[in-house]
């Protein structure tokens, strides 16, 4: 049986991916500077992922799911694969973001 916060987190992660896909031509393109991409990401994708999170009773596993999703979306946006062995904190710094979701 799934907890209501677990369902909310999985739905919000899915919405984050949907927003990223909607904006992939902007966020994954090479026309904008990384800092501008970071601002757009923060305003659109991250906001969609954490909307309503102040009412969630987030467990460690769910927090990990949010972090994993954010890291994957950041890697997608930067055009970096896991096999490229780039540190996520380096990518987050290039985008001008803080590495926090919750």
N, C-alpha and C. Protein backbone atom coordinates (compact mmCIF):
# COMPACT_ATOMS: atom_id res chain seq x y z
N UNK A 1 0.84 -1.18 0.00
CA UNK A 1 0.00 0.00 0.00
C UNK A 1 0.89 1.25 0.00
N UNK A 2 0.58 2.18 -0.87
CA UNK A 2 1.37 3.40 -1.00
C UNK A 2 0.85 4.47 -0.06
N UNK A 3 1.76 5.19 0.51
CA UNK A 3 1.46 6.34 1.35
C UNK A 3 1.07 7.51 0.46
N UNK A 4 0.23 8.40 0.94
CA UNK A 4 -0.23 9.53 0.12
C UNK A 4 0.93 10.45 -0.26
N UNK A 5 1.91 10.62 0.61
CA UNK A 5 3.06 11.46 0.25
C UNK A 5 3.92 10.78 -0.81
N UNK A 6 3.99 9.46 -0.78
CA UNK A 6 4.74 8.73 -1.80
C UNK A 6 4.09 8.92 -3.18
N UNK A 7 2.77 8.88 -3.21
CA UNK A 7 2.03 9.10 -4.46
C UNK A 7 2.25 10.53 -4.94
N UNK A 8 2.18 11.49 -4.03
CA UNK A 8 2.37 12.90 -4.39
C UNK A 8 3.77 13.14 -4.94
N UNK A 9 4.77 12.54 -4.31
CA UNK A 9 6.14 12.72 -4.78
C UNK A 9 6.32 12.12 -6.17
N UNK A 10 5.80 10.94 -6.41
CA UNK A 10 5.96 10.32 -7.73
C UNK A 10 5.21 11.13 -8.80
N UNK A 11 4.05 11.65 -8.48
CA UNK A 11 3.32 12.49 -9.44
C UNK A 11 4.08 13.78 -9.74
N UNK A 12 4.63 14.38 -8.70
CA UNK A 12 5.37 15.63 -8.89
C UNK A 12 6.65 15.40 -9.69
N UNK A 13 7.31 14.27 -9.48
CA UNK A 13 8.50 13.95 -10.28
C UNK A 13 8.12 13.78 -11.74
N UNK A 14 6.99 13.11 -11.98
CA UNK A 14 6.51 12.96 -13.35
C UNK A 14 6.20 14.32 -13.97
N UNK A 15 5.57 15.20 -13.21
CA UNK A 15 5.27 16.54 -13.71
C UNK A 15 6.55 17.33 -14.01
N UNK A 16 7.57 17.14 -13.20
CA UNK A 16 8.85 17.78 -13.46
C UNK A 16 9.42 17.34 -14.80
N UNK A 17 9.35 16.03 -15.07
CA UNK A 17 9.83 15.53 -16.36
C UNK A 17 9.00 16.07 -17.51
N UNK A 18 7.69 16.16 -17.31
CA UNK A 18 6.82 16.69 -18.36
C UNK A 18 7.19 18.14 -18.67
N UNK A 19 7.41 18.93 -17.64
CA UNK A 19 7.81 20.33 -17.85
C UNK A 19 9.16 20.41 -18.56
N UNK A 20 10.10 19.56 -18.18
CA UNK A 20 11.40 19.55 -18.84
C UNK A 20 11.25 19.21 -20.32
N UNK A 21 10.43 18.21 -20.62
CA UNK A 21 10.21 17.81 -22.00
C UNK A 21 9.54 18.95 -22.78
N UNK A 22 8.59 19.65 -22.14
CA UNK A 22 7.95 20.80 -22.78
C UNK A 22 8.98 21.88 -23.14
N UNK A 23 9.99 22.05 -22.30
CA UNK A 23 10.98 23.11 -22.49
C UNK A 23 12.32 22.60 -23.01
N UNK A 24 12.36 21.37 -23.51
CA UNK A 24 13.64 20.77 -23.89
C UNK A 24 14.34 21.56 -24.99
N UNK A 25 13.60 22.18 -25.89
CA UNK A 25 14.26 22.95 -26.95
C UNK A 25 15.00 24.16 -26.38
N UNK A 26 14.49 24.70 -25.27
CA UNK A 26 15.15 25.83 -24.62
C UNK A 26 16.23 25.36 -23.66
N UNK A 27 15.89 24.40 -22.81
CA UNK A 27 16.80 23.99 -21.74
C UNK A 27 17.94 23.10 -22.21
N UNK A 28 17.73 22.31 -23.25
CA UNK A 28 18.79 21.43 -23.72
C UNK A 28 19.52 22.01 -24.94
N UNK A 29 19.04 23.13 -25.43
CA UNK A 29 19.68 23.76 -26.57
C UNK A 29 20.98 24.45 -26.16
N UNK A 30 21.69 24.92 -27.14
CA UNK A 30 22.99 25.56 -26.87
C UNK A 30 22.94 27.07 -27.05
N UNK A 31 21.75 27.62 -27.28
CA UNK A 31 21.65 29.06 -27.54
C UNK A 31 21.72 29.91 -26.28
N UNK A 32 21.24 29.41 -25.17
CA UNK A 32 21.22 30.19 -23.93
C UNK A 32 22.41 29.88 -23.03
N UNK A 33 22.80 30.86 -22.24
CA UNK A 33 23.85 30.64 -21.25
C UNK A 33 23.31 29.73 -20.14
N UNK A 34 24.22 29.05 -19.48
CA UNK A 34 23.83 28.08 -18.45
C UNK A 34 23.08 28.75 -17.30
N UNK A 35 23.49 29.93 -16.90
CA UNK A 35 22.82 30.62 -15.79
C UNK A 35 21.37 30.95 -16.12
N UNK A 36 21.11 31.31 -17.37
CA UNK A 36 19.73 31.60 -17.79
C UNK A 36 18.92 30.31 -17.81
N UNK A 37 19.53 29.24 -18.29
CA UNK A 37 18.86 27.94 -18.25
C UNK A 37 18.51 27.55 -16.81
N UNK A 38 19.43 27.83 -15.89
CA UNK A 38 19.20 27.53 -14.48
C UNK A 38 18.01 28.30 -13.93
N UNK A 39 17.88 29.55 -14.32
CA UNK A 39 16.75 30.36 -13.85
C UNK A 39 15.44 29.84 -14.41
N UNK A 40 15.44 29.47 -15.67
CA UNK A 40 14.23 28.92 -16.29
C UNK A 40 13.88 27.59 -15.63
N UNK A 41 14.89 26.75 -15.40
CA UNK A 41 14.68 25.46 -14.73
C UNK A 41 14.07 25.66 -13.35
N UNK A 42 14.64 26.59 -12.60
CA UNK A 42 14.17 26.84 -11.24
C UNK A 42 12.73 27.35 -11.24
N UNK A 43 12.40 28.22 -12.21
CA UNK A 43 11.07 28.80 -12.27
C UNK A 43 10.01 27.83 -12.77
N UNK A 44 10.38 26.94 -13.67
CA UNK A 44 9.37 26.09 -14.31
C UNK A 44 9.40 24.63 -13.82
N UNK A 45 10.55 23.99 -13.94
CA UNK A 45 10.64 22.56 -13.66
C UNK A 45 10.66 22.29 -12.16
N UNK A 46 11.57 22.95 -11.44
CA UNK A 46 11.67 22.70 -10.00
C UNK A 46 10.39 23.11 -9.28
N UNK A 47 9.80 24.21 -9.69
CA UNK A 47 8.55 24.66 -9.08
C UNK A 47 7.45 23.62 -9.27
N UNK A 48 7.38 23.02 -10.46
CA UNK A 48 6.38 21.98 -10.72
C UNK A 48 6.64 20.75 -9.85
N UNK A 49 7.92 20.45 -9.60
CA UNK A 49 8.25 19.26 -8.82
C UNK A 49 7.93 19.43 -7.34
N UNK A 50 8.05 20.60 -6.80
CA UNK A 50 7.88 20.75 -5.35
C UNK A 50 6.59 21.48 -4.96
N UNK A 51 5.71 21.74 -5.93
CA UNK A 51 4.46 22.42 -5.64
C UNK A 51 3.67 21.63 -4.60
N UNK A 52 3.31 22.26 -3.54
CA UNK A 52 2.53 21.62 -2.48
C UNK A 52 3.36 20.80 -1.50
N UNK A 53 4.68 20.85 -1.62
CA UNK A 53 5.53 20.00 -0.79
C UNK A 53 5.49 20.36 0.69
N UNK A 54 5.06 21.58 1.00
CA UNK A 54 5.00 21.96 2.42
C UNK A 54 3.93 21.15 3.17
N UNK A 55 3.05 20.47 2.45
CA UNK A 55 2.02 19.66 3.11
C UNK A 55 2.39 18.18 3.14
N UNK A 56 3.52 17.81 2.54
CA UNK A 56 3.92 16.41 2.49
C UNK A 56 4.64 16.03 3.78
N UNK A 57 4.46 14.78 4.18
CA UNK A 57 5.24 14.18 5.25
C UNK A 57 6.31 13.33 4.56
N UNK A 58 7.39 13.98 4.13
CA UNK A 58 8.39 13.34 3.27
C UNK A 58 9.31 12.45 4.09
N UNK A 59 9.44 11.22 3.62
CA UNK A 59 10.36 10.26 4.22
C UNK A 59 11.69 10.33 3.48
N UNK A 60 12.68 9.68 4.01
CA UNK A 60 14.02 9.70 3.42
C UNK A 60 14.02 9.12 2.00
N UNK A 61 13.28 8.05 1.79
CA UNK A 61 13.23 7.43 0.46
C UNK A 61 12.59 8.36 -0.56
N UNK A 62 11.55 9.06 -0.15
CA UNK A 62 10.88 10.00 -1.06
C UNK A 62 11.75 11.21 -1.35
N UNK A 63 12.48 11.67 -0.34
CA UNK A 63 13.42 12.76 -0.54
C UNK A 63 14.51 12.34 -1.53
N UNK A 64 14.94 11.10 -1.41
CA UNK A 64 15.93 10.55 -2.34
C UNK A 64 15.38 10.49 -3.77
N UNK A 65 14.11 10.15 -3.90
CA UNK A 65 13.47 10.12 -5.22
C UNK A 65 13.47 11.50 -5.84
N UNK A 66 13.14 12.52 -5.06
CA UNK A 66 13.15 13.90 -5.56
C UNK A 66 14.56 14.32 -5.97
N UNK A 67 15.53 14.00 -5.15
CA UNK A 67 16.93 14.36 -5.48
C UNK A 67 17.39 13.64 -6.75
N UNK A 68 17.06 12.36 -6.85
CA UNK A 68 17.45 11.57 -8.02
C UNK A 68 16.82 12.15 -9.29
N UNK A 69 15.56 12.53 -9.20
CA UNK A 69 14.87 13.11 -10.35
C UNK A 69 15.49 14.45 -10.72
N UNK A 70 15.78 15.27 -9.72
CA UNK A 70 16.38 16.56 -10.02
C UNK A 70 17.76 16.40 -10.66
N UNK A 71 18.55 15.50 -10.15
CA UNK A 71 19.88 15.28 -10.72
C UNK A 71 19.78 14.79 -12.16
N UNK A 72 18.81 13.90 -12.42
CA UNK A 72 18.64 13.38 -13.78
C UNK A 72 18.18 14.48 -14.73
N UNK A 73 17.28 15.35 -14.27
CA UNK A 73 16.82 16.44 -15.14
C UNK A 73 17.94 17.43 -15.40
N UNK A 74 18.77 17.68 -14.40
CA UNK A 74 19.91 18.59 -14.59
C UNK A 74 20.90 18.00 -15.58
N UNK A 75 21.17 16.72 -15.48
CA UNK A 75 22.08 16.07 -16.42
C UNK A 75 21.51 16.12 -17.84
N UNK A 76 20.22 15.89 -17.97
CA UNK A 76 19.56 15.96 -19.28
C UNK A 76 19.69 17.37 -19.85
N UNK A 77 19.46 18.36 -19.02
CA UNK A 77 19.51 19.74 -19.45
C UNK A 77 20.92 20.14 -19.88
N UNK A 78 21.93 19.64 -19.20
CA UNK A 78 23.32 19.98 -19.51
C UNK A 78 23.91 19.10 -20.60
N UNK A 79 23.18 18.07 -21.03
CA UNK A 79 23.68 17.18 -22.07
C UNK A 79 24.78 16.26 -21.58
N UNK A 80 24.75 15.91 -20.30
CA UNK A 80 25.78 15.07 -19.68
C UNK A 80 25.18 13.71 -19.35
N UNK A 81 25.88 12.66 -19.71
CA UNK A 81 25.46 11.31 -19.36
C UNK A 81 26.18 10.88 -18.09
N UNK A 82 25.64 9.90 -17.43
CA UNK A 82 26.28 9.39 -16.21
C UNK A 82 27.66 8.84 -16.54
N UNK A 83 27.80 8.25 -17.74
CA UNK A 83 29.09 7.69 -18.13
C UNK A 83 30.16 8.77 -18.35
N UNK A 84 29.74 10.03 -18.47
CA UNK A 84 30.70 11.14 -18.62
C UNK A 84 31.43 11.46 -17.31
N UNK A 85 30.91 10.91 -16.20
CA UNK A 85 31.54 11.04 -14.88
C UNK A 85 31.69 12.50 -14.44
N UNK A 86 30.70 13.32 -14.75
CA UNK A 86 30.68 14.71 -14.27
C UNK A 86 29.98 14.76 -12.92
N UNK A 87 30.50 15.53 -12.02
CA UNK A 87 29.92 15.68 -10.70
C UNK A 87 28.67 16.57 -10.78
N UNK A 88 27.59 16.15 -10.16
CA UNK A 88 26.35 16.92 -10.20
C UNK A 88 26.53 18.30 -9.57
N UNK A 89 27.31 18.38 -8.52
CA UNK A 89 27.50 19.68 -7.87
C UNK A 89 28.18 20.67 -8.82
N UNK A 90 29.05 20.18 -9.70
CA UNK A 90 29.68 21.04 -10.70
C UNK A 90 28.64 21.57 -11.70
N UNK A 91 27.73 20.69 -12.11
CA UNK A 91 26.68 21.09 -13.05
C UNK A 91 25.73 22.09 -12.40
N UNK A 92 25.38 21.84 -11.15
CA UNK A 92 24.49 22.73 -10.41
C UNK A 92 25.13 24.11 -10.27
N UNK A 93 26.42 24.14 -10.01
CA UNK A 93 27.14 25.41 -9.88
C UNK A 93 27.16 26.17 -11.20
N UNK A 94 27.36 25.46 -12.29
CA UNK A 94 27.36 26.10 -13.61
C UNK A 94 26.00 26.73 -13.93
N UNK A 95 24.93 26.09 -13.44
CA UNK A 95 23.59 26.60 -13.68
C UNK A 95 23.19 27.69 -12.70
N UNK A 96 23.98 27.87 -11.64
CA UNK A 96 23.67 28.89 -10.65
C UNK A 96 22.54 28.48 -9.73
N UNK A 97 22.43 27.19 -9.44
CA UNK A 97 21.37 26.67 -8.57
C UNK A 97 21.94 26.18 -7.25
N UNK A 98 21.06 25.95 -6.31
CA UNK A 98 21.43 25.25 -5.07
C UNK A 98 20.92 23.83 -5.23
N UNK A 99 21.65 22.88 -4.70
CA UNK A 99 21.28 21.46 -4.87
C UNK A 99 20.30 21.02 -3.78
N UNK A 100 19.16 21.66 -3.74
CA UNK A 100 18.13 21.28 -2.80
C UNK A 100 16.79 21.24 -3.50
N UNK A 101 16.00 20.25 -3.17
CA UNK A 101 14.66 20.14 -3.72
C UNK A 101 13.64 20.35 -2.62
N UNK A 102 13.83 19.71 -1.51
CA UNK A 102 12.86 19.80 -0.42
C UNK A 102 13.33 20.78 0.61
